[in-house]
Amino acid sequence: MGAPVELLSDEDCRLPFAVGLDLNTAFLASAARLVVGLSAPDHFHTPAFNPKIPGSWLVDLSFIELDPRLPSPFTPTGERPTGPAWYQTHTVAYAQELGFNVAPIEGYLRRETGAYLDPWHDRLKTAYVDTLADLGVTKDLDDRAFLAAMEQHKQADPAMAAVLAAIKATVKGGVGKLRERP
């Protein structure tokens, strides 16, 4: 909801607060079409890197020089890697996206993959949207009516508000925990 920033008036810019609403449930949306391994991993020596294959790759990323003022995205400490280490597919893919040649030494890779979390995403998204609608928060509201409905939805029906809170907790406790750092 809302307009692009270029459409904000001077009056809008002088307002003391901005409201951000995660109606797309970002953690939940990240589960849609997420490809995960469905089989046990198989061990490979010197595999060609493929960013579409979930797995763990033994790769030396210590040669990568990035801006020294920023932490390394390849280690938990932010220090530059000192030699080969095991990385998940998305980390090796990021090094490749930065333009570096990655040459895995070994890999534990999944041959069978799929969007395992899709049904979970679909059910929770439907439950979230339907529960919000039951509380009077629908897609057809203009911005002002939408914000008013969001402000009042918990008082409209405390039992349904509790259901909505449970759905949100399931989303954050599910996919949100997958994103959580050590």
N, C-alpha and C. Protein backbone atom coordinates (compact mmCIF):
# COMPACT_ATOMS: atom_id res chain seq x y z
N MET A 1 0.85 -1.17 0.00
CA MET A 1 0.00 0.00 0.00
C MET A 1 0.89 1.23 0.00
N GLY A 2 0.33 2.35 -0.36
CA GLY A 2 1.09 3.58 -0.34
C GLY A 2 1.65 3.91 -1.70
N ALA A 3 2.15 5.11 -1.83
CA ALA A 3 2.64 5.62 -3.09
C ALA A 3 4.16 5.55 -3.15
N PRO A 4 4.70 5.60 -4.38
CA PRO A 4 6.16 5.70 -4.51
C PRO A 4 6.63 7.00 -3.85
N VAL A 5 7.86 7.00 -3.37
CA VAL A 5 8.39 8.13 -2.62
C VAL A 5 8.34 9.44 -3.42
N GLU A 6 8.43 9.36 -4.74
CA GLU A 6 8.38 10.57 -5.56
C GLU A 6 7.02 11.26 -5.47
N LEU A 7 6.00 10.51 -5.09
CA LEU A 7 4.65 11.07 -5.03
C LEU A 7 4.31 11.65 -3.66
N LEU A 8 5.24 11.59 -2.72
CA LEU A 8 4.99 12.18 -1.41
C LEU A 8 4.99 13.70 -1.52
N SER A 9 4.02 14.31 -0.88
CA SER A 9 3.96 15.77 -0.88
C SER A 9 4.91 16.32 0.20
N ASP A 10 5.14 17.62 0.16
CA ASP A 10 5.95 18.26 1.21
C ASP A 10 5.30 18.06 2.57
N GLU A 11 3.96 18.10 2.58
CA GLU A 11 3.23 17.88 3.84
C GLU A 11 3.49 16.47 4.37
N ASP A 12 3.47 15.49 3.47
CA ASP A 12 3.75 14.11 3.87
C ASP A 12 5.15 13.99 4.48
N CYS A 13 6.10 14.66 3.86
CA CYS A 13 7.50 14.58 4.31
C CYS A 13 7.71 15.22 5.68
N ARG A 14 6.82 16.14 6.07
CA ARG A 14 6.95 16.80 7.36
C ARG A 14 6.27 16.01 8.49
N LEU A 15 5.57 14.96 8.16
CA LEU A 15 4.91 14.16 9.20
C LEU A 15 5.97 13.49 10.08
N PRO A 16 5.70 13.34 11.38
CA PRO A 16 6.73 12.84 12.30
C PRO A 16 6.96 11.33 12.24
N PHE A 17 6.06 10.57 11.65
CA PHE A 17 6.19 9.13 11.67
C PHE A 17 5.90 8.52 10.30
N ALA A 18 6.46 7.37 10.07
CA ALA A 18 6.12 6.54 8.92
C ALA A 18 5.69 5.20 9.47
N VAL A 19 4.75 4.57 8.82
CA VAL A 19 4.24 3.28 9.27
C VAL A 19 4.62 2.24 8.23
N GLY A 20 5.26 1.18 8.68
CA GLY A 20 5.60 0.08 7.80
C GLY A 20 4.80 -1.14 8.18
N LEU A 21 4.13 -1.73 7.20
CA LEU A 21 3.31 -2.91 7.45
C LEU A 21 3.79 -4.04 6.55
N ASP A 22 4.02 -5.18 7.14
CA ASP A 22 4.48 -6.35 6.38
C ASP A 22 3.27 -7.20 6.01
N LEU A 23 2.49 -6.72 5.06
CA LEU A 23 1.31 -7.47 4.65
C LEU A 23 1.66 -8.61 3.71
N ASN A 24 2.82 -8.55 3.10
CA ASN A 24 3.24 -9.63 2.23
C ASN A 24 3.92 -10.74 3.02
N THR A 25 4.00 -10.57 4.32
CA THR A 25 4.66 -11.54 5.20
C THR A 25 5.98 -12.00 4.56
N ALA A 26 6.97 -11.14 4.63
CA ALA A 26 8.24 -11.35 3.93
C ALA A 26 8.87 -12.71 4.24
N PHE A 27 8.90 -13.13 5.51
CA PHE A 27 9.48 -14.44 5.82
C PHE A 27 8.69 -15.55 5.14
N LEU A 28 7.37 -15.43 5.15
CA LEU A 28 6.54 -16.44 4.52
C LEU A 28 6.75 -16.44 3.01
N ALA A 29 6.79 -15.25 2.41
CA ALA A 29 6.98 -15.16 0.97
C ALA A 29 8.31 -15.77 0.54
N SER A 30 9.31 -15.70 1.42
CA SER A 30 10.61 -16.28 1.07
C SER A 30 10.55 -17.80 0.94
N ALA A 31 9.54 -18.41 1.54
CA ALA A 31 9.40 -19.86 1.45
C ALA A 31 8.82 -20.29 0.11
N ALA A 32 8.10 -19.39 -0.55
CA ALA A 32 7.47 -19.74 -1.83
C ALA A 32 8.55 -20.05 -2.86
N ARG A 33 8.45 -21.19 -3.45
CA ARG A 33 9.35 -21.65 -4.50
C ARG A 33 10.80 -21.82 -4.07
N LEU A 34 11.05 -21.86 -2.76
CA LEU A 34 12.40 -22.10 -2.28
C LEU A 34 12.75 -23.56 -2.57
N VAL A 35 13.80 -23.77 -3.33
CA VAL A 35 14.22 -25.13 -3.70
C VAL A 35 15.11 -25.68 -2.58
N VAL A 36 14.72 -26.83 -2.07
CA VAL A 36 15.49 -27.50 -1.02
C VAL A 36 15.81 -28.92 -1.47
N GLY A 37 16.80 -29.51 -0.82
CA GLY A 37 17.16 -30.89 -1.13
C GLY A 37 16.13 -31.85 -0.55
N LEU A 38 15.73 -32.83 -1.35
CA LEU A 38 14.74 -33.81 -0.91
C LEU A 38 15.35 -35.19 -0.70
N SER A 39 16.60 -35.35 -1.10
CA SER A 39 17.25 -36.66 -0.96
C SER A 39 18.46 -36.51 -0.04
N ALA A 40 19.03 -37.64 0.31
CA ALA A 40 20.27 -37.61 1.09
C ALA A 40 21.37 -37.04 0.22
N PRO A 41 22.37 -36.40 0.81
CA PRO A 41 23.45 -35.84 -0.01
C PRO A 41 24.38 -36.92 -0.53
N ASP A 42 24.89 -36.69 -1.73
CA ASP A 42 25.91 -37.55 -2.31
C ASP A 42 27.23 -36.77 -2.33
N HIS A 43 28.33 -37.50 -2.14
CA HIS A 43 29.66 -36.87 -2.08
C HIS A 43 30.28 -36.83 -3.48
N PHE A 44 30.82 -35.65 -3.83
CA PHE A 44 31.46 -35.48 -5.13
C PHE A 44 32.83 -34.85 -4.94
N HIS A 45 33.80 -35.23 -5.81
CA HIS A 45 35.12 -34.61 -5.83
C HIS A 45 35.19 -33.68 -7.04
N THR A 46 35.71 -32.49 -6.86
CA THR A 46 35.83 -31.43 -7.86
C THR A 46 34.57 -31.26 -8.72
N PRO A 47 33.42 -31.07 -8.08
CA PRO A 47 32.21 -30.87 -8.87
C PRO A 47 32.19 -29.47 -9.50
N ALA A 48 31.57 -29.35 -10.65
CA ALA A 48 31.35 -28.03 -11.24
C ALA A 48 30.25 -27.36 -10.40
N PHE A 49 30.47 -26.10 -10.06
CA PHE A 49 29.48 -25.43 -9.23
C PHE A 49 28.22 -25.14 -10.03
N ASN A 50 27.09 -25.43 -9.42
CA ASN A 50 25.79 -25.13 -10.01
C ASN A 50 24.94 -24.48 -8.92
N PRO A 51 24.57 -23.21 -9.09
CA PRO A 51 23.82 -22.51 -8.05
C PRO A 51 22.41 -23.04 -7.83
N LYS A 52 21.96 -23.96 -8.67
CA LYS A 52 20.62 -24.51 -8.51
C LYS A 52 20.60 -25.81 -7.70
N ILE A 53 21.78 -26.28 -7.31
CA ILE A 53 21.86 -27.54 -6.57
C ILE A 53 22.09 -27.24 -5.09
N PRO A 54 21.12 -27.59 -4.23
CA PRO A 54 21.34 -27.40 -2.79
C PRO A 54 22.43 -28.34 -2.28
N GLY A 55 23.27 -27.83 -1.40
CA GLY A 55 24.30 -28.67 -0.82
C GLY A 55 25.35 -27.87 -0.10
N SER A 56 26.42 -28.55 0.26
CA SER A 56 27.57 -27.94 0.90
C SER A 56 28.77 -28.15 -0.02
N TRP A 57 29.53 -27.07 -0.21
CA TRP A 57 30.64 -27.06 -1.14
C TRP A 57 31.92 -26.69 -0.40
N LEU A 58 32.97 -27.47 -0.57
CA LEU A 58 34.28 -27.12 -0.03
C LEU A 58 34.98 -26.25 -1.07
N VAL A 59 35.14 -24.97 -0.74
CA VAL A 59 35.66 -23.99 -1.70
C VAL A 59 36.65 -23.08 -0.99
N ASP A 60 37.68 -22.69 -1.71
CA ASP A 60 38.62 -21.70 -1.18
C ASP A 60 38.19 -20.33 -1.69
N LEU A 61 37.67 -19.49 -0.80
CA LEU A 61 37.27 -18.13 -1.15
C LEU A 61 38.24 -17.10 -0.56
N SER A 62 39.40 -17.58 -0.07
CA SER A 62 40.34 -16.67 0.58
C SER A 62 41.00 -15.70 -0.39
N PHE A 63 40.97 -15.99 -1.68
CA PHE A 63 41.58 -15.11 -2.67
C PHE A 63 40.70 -13.89 -2.99
N ILE A 64 39.47 -13.91 -2.53
CA ILE A 64 38.54 -12.83 -2.86
C ILE A 64 38.85 -11.60 -2.02
N GLU A 65 39.17 -10.51 -2.70
CA GLU A 65 39.43 -9.25 -2.03
C GLU A 65 38.24 -8.34 -2.23
N LEU A 66 37.64 -7.94 -1.12
CA LEU A 66 36.53 -7.00 -1.15
C LEU A 66 36.96 -5.74 -0.43
N ASP A 67 36.09 -4.79 -0.36
CA ASP A 67 36.40 -3.53 0.32
C ASP A 67 36.84 -3.85 1.75
N PRO A 68 38.07 -3.49 2.15
CA PRO A 68 38.58 -3.84 3.48
C PRO A 68 37.84 -3.14 4.63
N ARG A 69 37.05 -2.14 4.30
CA ARG A 69 36.27 -1.45 5.34
C ARG A 69 35.02 -2.22 5.72
N LEU A 70 34.67 -3.23 4.92
CA LEU A 70 33.46 -4.01 5.18
C LEU A 70 33.82 -5.42 5.63
N PRO A 71 32.96 -6.03 6.44
CA PRO A 71 33.23 -7.41 6.85
C PRO A 71 33.07 -8.38 5.67
N SER A 72 33.77 -9.46 5.74
CA SER A 72 33.64 -10.49 4.70
C SER A 72 32.27 -11.15 4.83
N PRO A 73 31.57 -11.33 3.71
CA PRO A 73 30.29 -12.03 3.77
C PRO A 73 30.46 -13.55 3.81
N PHE A 74 31.72 -14.01 3.83
CA PHE A 74 31.97 -15.44 3.72
C PHE A 74 32.35 -16.13 5.04
N THR A 75 32.41 -15.37 6.12
CA THR A 75 32.71 -15.97 7.43
C THR A 75 31.76 -15.40 8.47
N PRO A 76 31.46 -16.17 9.51
CA PRO A 76 30.58 -15.66 10.57
C PRO A 76 31.19 -14.48 11.34
N THR A 77 32.52 -14.40 11.38
CA THR A 77 33.18 -13.34 12.13
C THR A 77 33.37 -12.07 11.30
N GLY A 78 33.24 -12.18 9.98
CA GLY A 78 33.49 -11.04 9.12
C GLY A 78 34.94 -10.93 8.69
N GLU A 79 35.81 -11.80 9.26
CA GLU A 79 37.21 -11.83 8.85
C GLU A 79 37.31 -12.51 7.48
N ARG A 80 38.33 -12.16 6.73
CA ARG A 80 38.55 -12.78 5.43
C ARG A 80 38.85 -14.27 5.62
N PRO A 81 38.31 -15.16 4.78
CA PRO A 81 38.64 -16.59 4.90
C PRO A 81 40.14 -16.82 4.76
N THR A 82 40.65 -17.84 5.44
CA THR A 82 42.09 -18.12 5.40
C THR A 82 42.42 -19.35 4.57
N GLY A 83 41.43 -19.99 4.00
CA GLY A 83 41.66 -21.18 3.20
C GLY A 83 40.34 -21.83 2.86
N PRO A 84 40.38 -23.07 2.37
CA PRO A 84 39.13 -23.75 2.02
C PRO A 84 38.22 -23.90 3.23
N ALA A 85 36.92 -23.81 2.97
CA ALA A 85 35.91 -24.00 4.02
C ALA A 85 34.63 -24.50 3.36
N TRP A 86 33.76 -25.04 4.18
CA TRP A 86 32.47 -25.53 3.68
C TRP A 86 31.46 -24.38 3.66
N TYR A 87 30.81 -24.22 2.51
CA TYR A 87 29.81 -23.17 2.32
C TYR A 87 28.55 -23.77 1.72
N GLN A 88 27.42 -23.19 2.09
CA GLN A 88 26.16 -23.58 1.47
C GLN A 88 26.09 -22.99 0.06
N THR A 89 25.22 -23.54 -0.75
CA THR A 89 25.09 -23.13 -2.15
C THR A 89 24.91 -21.62 -2.30
N HIS A 90 24.03 -21.01 -1.48
CA HIS A 90 23.76 -19.59 -1.67
C HIS A 90 24.99 -18.72 -1.43
N THR A 91 25.89 -19.13 -0.56
CA THR A 91 27.10 -18.35 -0.29
C THR A 91 28.07 -18.44 -1.47
N VAL A 92 28.23 -19.63 -2.01
CA VAL A 92 29.11 -19.81 -3.17
C VAL A 92 28.52 -19.08 -4.38
N ALA A 93 27.20 -19.13 -4.51
CA ALA A 93 26.54 -18.42 -5.61
C ALA A 93 26.77 -16.91 -5.50
N TYR A 94 26.78 -16.39 -4.28
CA TYR A 94 27.04 -14.97 -4.08
C TYR A 94 28.46 -14.61 -4.53
N ALA A 95 29.44 -15.44 -4.20
CA ALA A 95 30.81 -15.19 -4.65
C ALA A 95 30.86 -15.19 -6.18
N GLN A 96 30.14 -16.10 -6.79
CA GLN A 96 30.10 -16.16 -8.25
C GLN A 96 29.40 -14.92 -8.83
N GLU A 97 28.31 -14.48 -8.19
CA GLU A 97 27.61 -13.27 -8.64
C GLU A 97 28.51 -12.04 -8.57
N LEU A 98 29.44 -12.03 -7.61
CA LEU A 98 30.38 -10.92 -7.48
C LEU A 98 31.44 -10.95 -8.58
N GLY A 99 31.43 -12.01 -9.40
CA GLY A 99 32.35 -12.10 -10.53
C GLY A 99 33.57 -12.96 -10.30
N PHE A 100 33.60 -13.71 -9.21
CA PHE A 100 34.77 -14.53 -8.90
C PHE A 100 34.57 -15.95 -9.40
N ASN A 101 35.67 -16.55 -9.86
CA ASN A 101 35.64 -17.93 -10.32
C ASN A 101 35.70 -18.85 -9.11
N VAL A 102 34.67 -19.62 -8.90
CA VAL A 102 34.65 -20.55 -7.77
C VAL A 102 34.92 -21.95 -8.30
N ALA A 103 35.81 -22.65 -7.63
CA ALA A 103 36.20 -23.99 -8.06
C ALA A 103 36.09 -24.94 -6.86
N PRO A 104 34.93 -25.55 -6.65
CA PRO A 104 34.77 -26.45 -5.51
C PRO A 104 35.76 -27.61 -5.53
N ILE A 105 36.24 -27.94 -4.34
CA ILE A 105 37.16 -29.06 -4.16
C ILE A 105 36.36 -30.34 -3.94
N GLU A 106 35.31 -30.20 -3.14
CA GLU A 106 34.39 -31.31 -2.84
C GLU A 106 32.99 -30.74 -2.71
N GLY A 107 32.02 -31.64 -2.68
CA GLY A 107 30.66 -31.21 -2.44
C GLY A 107 29.81 -32.34 -1.90
N TYR A 108 28.91 -32.02 -1.01
CA TYR A 108 27.86 -32.93 -0.58
C TYR A 108 26.58 -32.33 -1.13
N LEU A 109 26.07 -32.93 -2.21
CA LEU A 109 25.02 -32.32 -3.00
C LEU A 109 23.78 -33.22 -3.06
N ARG A 110 22.65 -32.57 -3.19
CA ARG A 110 21.36 -33.28 -3.24
C ARG A 110 20.92 -33.44 -4.70
N ARG A 111 20.71 -34.68 -5.11
CA ARG A 111 20.28 -34.94 -6.49
C ARG A 111 18.81 -34.60 -6.69
N GLU A 112 17.99 -34.89 -5.68
CA GLU A 112 16.55 -34.61 -5.78
C GLU A 112 16.25 -33.31 -5.05
N THR A 113 15.57 -32.41 -5.74
CA THR A 113 15.24 -31.11 -5.16
C THR A 113 13.78 -30.78 -5.46
N GLY A 114 13.24 -29.84 -4.73
CA GLY A 114 11.88 -29.40 -4.99
C GLY A 114 11.47 -28.27 -4.05
N ALA A 115 10.33 -27.71 -4.34
CA ALA A 115 9.78 -26.61 -3.55
C ALA A 115 8.94 -27.21 -2.41
N TYR A 116 9.61 -27.82 -1.48
CA TYR A 116 8.99 -28.57 -0.38
C TYR A 116 8.06 -27.71 0.49
N LEU A 117 8.39 -26.43 0.65
CA LEU A 117 7.63 -25.57 1.54
C LEU A 117 6.43 -24.89 0.87
N ASP A 118 6.22 -25.11 -0.42
CA ASP A 118 5.10 -24.45 -1.11
C ASP A 118 3.73 -24.70 -0.48
N PRO A 119 3.36 -25.93 -0.18
CA PRO A 119 2.04 -26.14 0.43
C PRO A 119 1.92 -25.43 1.79
N TRP A 120 3.00 -25.44 2.55
CA TRP A 120 3.03 -24.75 3.84
C TRP A 120 2.80 -23.26 3.63
N HIS A 121 3.52 -22.67 2.68
CA HIS A 121 3.35 -21.25 2.34
C HIS A 121 1.91 -20.95 1.95
N ASP A 122 1.37 -21.75 1.04
CA ASP A 122 0.02 -21.49 0.52
C ASP A 122 -1.02 -21.52 1.63
N ARG A 123 -0.95 -22.51 2.51
CA ARG A 123 -1.93 -22.62 3.61
C ARG A 123 -1.82 -21.45 4.58
N LEU A 124 -0.60 -21.10 4.97
CA LEU A 124 -0.43 -20.01 5.92
C LEU A 124 -0.79 -18.65 5.30
N LYS A 125 -0.48 -18.44 4.05
CA LYS A 125 -0.83 -17.18 3.39
C LYS A 125 -2.35 -17.04 3.33
N THR A 126 -3.04 -18.12 2.95
CA THR A 126 -4.50 -18.10 2.89
C THR A 126 -5.09 -17.85 4.28
N ALA A 127 -4.55 -18.52 5.29
CA ALA A 127 -5.05 -18.34 6.66
C ALA A 127 -4.84 -16.90 7.11
N TYR A 128 -3.70 -16.31 6.78
CA TYR A 128 -3.39 -14.94 7.17
C TYR A 128 -4.36 -13.94 6.52
N VAL A 129 -4.51 -14.05 5.20
CA VAL A 129 -5.38 -13.13 4.46
C VAL A 129 -6.84 -13.30 4.90
N ASP A 130 -7.29 -14.54 5.05
CA ASP A 130 -8.68 -14.79 5.45
C ASP A 130 -8.96 -14.29 6.87
N THR A 131 -8.01 -14.48 7.76
CA THR A 131 -8.20 -14.03 9.15
C THR A 131 -8.21 -12.51 9.22
N LEU A 132 -7.32 -11.86 8.48
CA LEU A 132 -7.35 -10.39 8.42
C LEU A 132 -8.70 -9.91 7.88
N ALA A 133 -9.22 -10.58 6.85
CA ALA A 133 -10.52 -10.19 6.29
C ALA A 133 -11.63 -10.37 7.32
N ASP A 134 -11.57 -11.46 8.09
CA ASP A 134 -12.57 -11.66 9.16
C ASP A 134 -12.52 -10.55 10.20
N LEU A 135 -11.34 -9.91 10.33
CA LEU A 135 -11.17 -8.82 11.28
C LEU A 135 -11.41 -7.45 10.64
N GLY A 136 -11.87 -7.46 9.38
CA GLY A 136 -12.21 -6.20 8.71
C GLY A 136 -11.10 -5.56 7.92
N VAL A 137 -9.98 -6.24 7.79
CA VAL A 137 -8.85 -5.70 7.03
C VAL A 137 -8.82 -6.43 5.69
N THR A 138 -9.27 -5.73 4.64
CA THR A 138 -9.37 -6.35 3.32
C THR A 138 -8.56 -5.57 2.29
N LYS A 139 -8.33 -6.20 1.15
CA LYS A 139 -7.51 -5.61 0.09
C LYS A 139 -8.19 -4.42 -0.59
N ASP A 140 -9.49 -4.33 -0.51
CA ASP A 140 -10.22 -3.28 -1.24
C ASP A 140 -10.28 -1.94 -0.50
N LEU A 141 -9.72 -1.86 0.69
CA LEU A 141 -9.75 -0.61 1.47
C LEU A 141 -8.76 0.40 0.91
N ASP A 142 -9.14 1.70 0.96
CA ASP A 142 -8.16 2.72 0.60
C ASP A 142 -7.19 2.87 1.77
N ASP A 143 -6.13 3.66 1.59
CA ASP A 143 -5.08 3.76 2.61
C ASP A 143 -5.61 4.17 3.97
N ARG A 144 -6.46 5.18 4.01
CA ARG A 144 -6.98 5.70 5.28
C ARG A 144 -7.84 4.65 5.99
N ALA A 145 -8.74 4.02 5.23
CA ALA A 145 -9.61 2.99 5.81
C ALA A 145 -8.80 1.77 6.25
N PHE A 146 -7.77 1.45 5.47
CA PHE A 146 -6.91 0.32 5.81
C PHE A 146 -6.21 0.55 7.14
N LEU A 147 -5.60 1.73 7.29
CA LEU A 147 -4.90 2.04 8.54
C LEU A 147 -5.86 2.05 9.73
N ALA A 148 -7.08 2.56 9.52
CA ALA A 148 -8.08 2.56 10.59
C ALA A 148 -8.44 1.12 10.97
N ALA A 149 -8.62 0.26 9.97
CA ALA A 149 -8.96 -1.13 10.24
C ALA A 149 -7.81 -1.84 10.96
N MET A 150 -6.56 -1.55 10.56
CA MET A 150 -5.40 -2.16 11.23
C MET A 150 -5.31 -1.71 12.69
N GLU A 151 -5.67 -0.47 12.94
CA GLU A 151 -5.61 0.06 14.30
C GLU A 151 -6.65 -0.61 15.20
N GLN A 152 -7.77 -0.99 14.63
CA GLN A 152 -8.89 -1.53 15.42
C GLN A 152 -9.03 -3.05 15.37
N HIS A 153 -8.27 -3.73 14.51
CA HIS A 153 -8.56 -5.15 14.29
C HIS A 153 -8.43 -6.02 15.54
N LYS A 154 -7.55 -5.69 16.46
CA LYS A 154 -7.39 -6.52 17.65
C LYS A 154 -8.57 -6.39 18.60
N GLN A 155 -9.22 -5.22 18.59
CA GLN A 155 -10.38 -5.03 19.45
C GLN A 155 -11.66 -5.58 18.81
N ALA A 156 -11.68 -5.73 17.49
CA ALA A 156 -12.88 -6.19 16.78
C ALA A 156 -13.30 -7.58 17.25
N ASP A 157 -12.35 -8.46 17.41
CA ASP A 157 -12.65 -9.83 17.85
C ASP A 157 -11.36 -10.40 18.46
N PRO A 158 -11.26 -10.33 19.80
CA PRO A 158 -10.02 -10.79 20.44
C PRO A 158 -9.66 -12.24 20.12
N ALA A 159 -10.66 -13.10 19.96
CA ALA A 159 -10.37 -14.50 19.64
C ALA A 159 -9.73 -14.62 18.26
N MET A 160 -10.28 -13.90 17.27
CA MET A 160 -9.70 -13.93 15.93
C MET A 160 -8.34 -13.25 15.92
N ALA A 161 -8.17 -12.21 16.73
CA ALA A 161 -6.86 -11.55 16.84
C ALA A 161 -5.83 -12.54 17.38
N ALA A 162 -6.25 -13.42 18.30
CA ALA A 162 -5.35 -14.44 18.83
C ALA A 162 -4.98 -15.45 17.74
N VAL A 163 -5.96 -15.79 16.88
CA VAL A 163 -5.69 -16.70 15.76
C VAL A 163 -4.67 -16.05 14.82
N LEU A 164 -4.86 -14.75 14.53
CA LEU A 164 -3.92 -14.05 13.67
C LEU A 164 -2.51 -14.03 14.28
N ALA A 165 -2.43 -13.80 15.58
CA ALA A 165 -1.14 -13.81 16.27
C ALA A 165 -0.48 -15.19 16.16
N ALA A 166 -1.29 -16.25 16.25
CA ALA A 166 -0.75 -17.62 16.14
C ALA A 166 -0.22 -17.88 14.73
N ILE A 167 -0.92 -17.37 13.73
CA ILE A 167 -0.46 -17.54 12.34
C ILE A 167 0.87 -16.81 12.16
N LYS A 168 0.95 -15.57 12.65
CA LYS A 168 2.19 -14.81 12.55
C LYS A 168 3.33 -15.51 13.28
N ALA A 169 3.05 -16.06 14.45
CA ALA A 169 4.09 -16.75 15.22
C ALA A 169 4.57 -18.00 14.48
N THR A 170 3.66 -18.68 13.81
CA THR A 170 4.03 -19.87 13.03
C THR A 170 4.96 -19.47 11.89
N VAL A 171 4.64 -18.36 11.23
CA VAL A 171 5.48 -17.88 10.13
C VAL A 171 6.86 -17.50 10.65
N LYS A 172 6.91 -16.67 11.68
CA LYS A 172 8.20 -16.21 12.20
C LYS A 172 8.98 -17.34 12.85
N GLY A 173 8.30 -18.26 13.50
CA GLY A 173 8.96 -19.37 14.15
C GLY A 173 9.35 -20.47 13.19
N GLY A 174 8.79 -20.44 11.97
CA GLY A 174 9.13 -21.43 10.95
C GLY A 174 10.22 -20.92 10.05
N VAL A 175 9.83 -20.22 9.00
CA VAL A 175 10.81 -19.68 8.05
C VAL A 175 11.71 -18.66 8.72
N GLY A 176 11.17 -17.86 9.63
CA GLY A 176 11.99 -16.88 10.32
C GLY A 176 13.16 -17.51 11.04
N LYS A 177 12.95 -18.69 11.63
CA LYS A 177 14.03 -19.39 12.33
C LYS A 177 15.06 -19.93 11.34
N LEU A 178 14.64 -20.24 10.12
CA LEU A 178 15.60 -20.70 9.13
C LEU A 178 16.59 -19.60 8.77
N ARG A 179 16.17 -18.35 8.88
CA ARG A 179 17.00 -17.20 8.57
C ARG A 179 17.88 -16.79 9.75
N GLU A 180 17.53 -17.22 10.94
CA GLU A 180 18.21 -16.77 12.16
C GLU A 180 19.69 -17.12 12.15
N ARG A 181 20.49 -16.20 12.60
CA ARG A 181 21.95 -16.40 12.67
C ARG A 181 22.33 -17.12 13.95
N PRO A 182 23.55 -17.70 14.00
CA PRO A 182 23.98 -18.39 15.22
C PRO A 182 24.02 -17.45 16.42
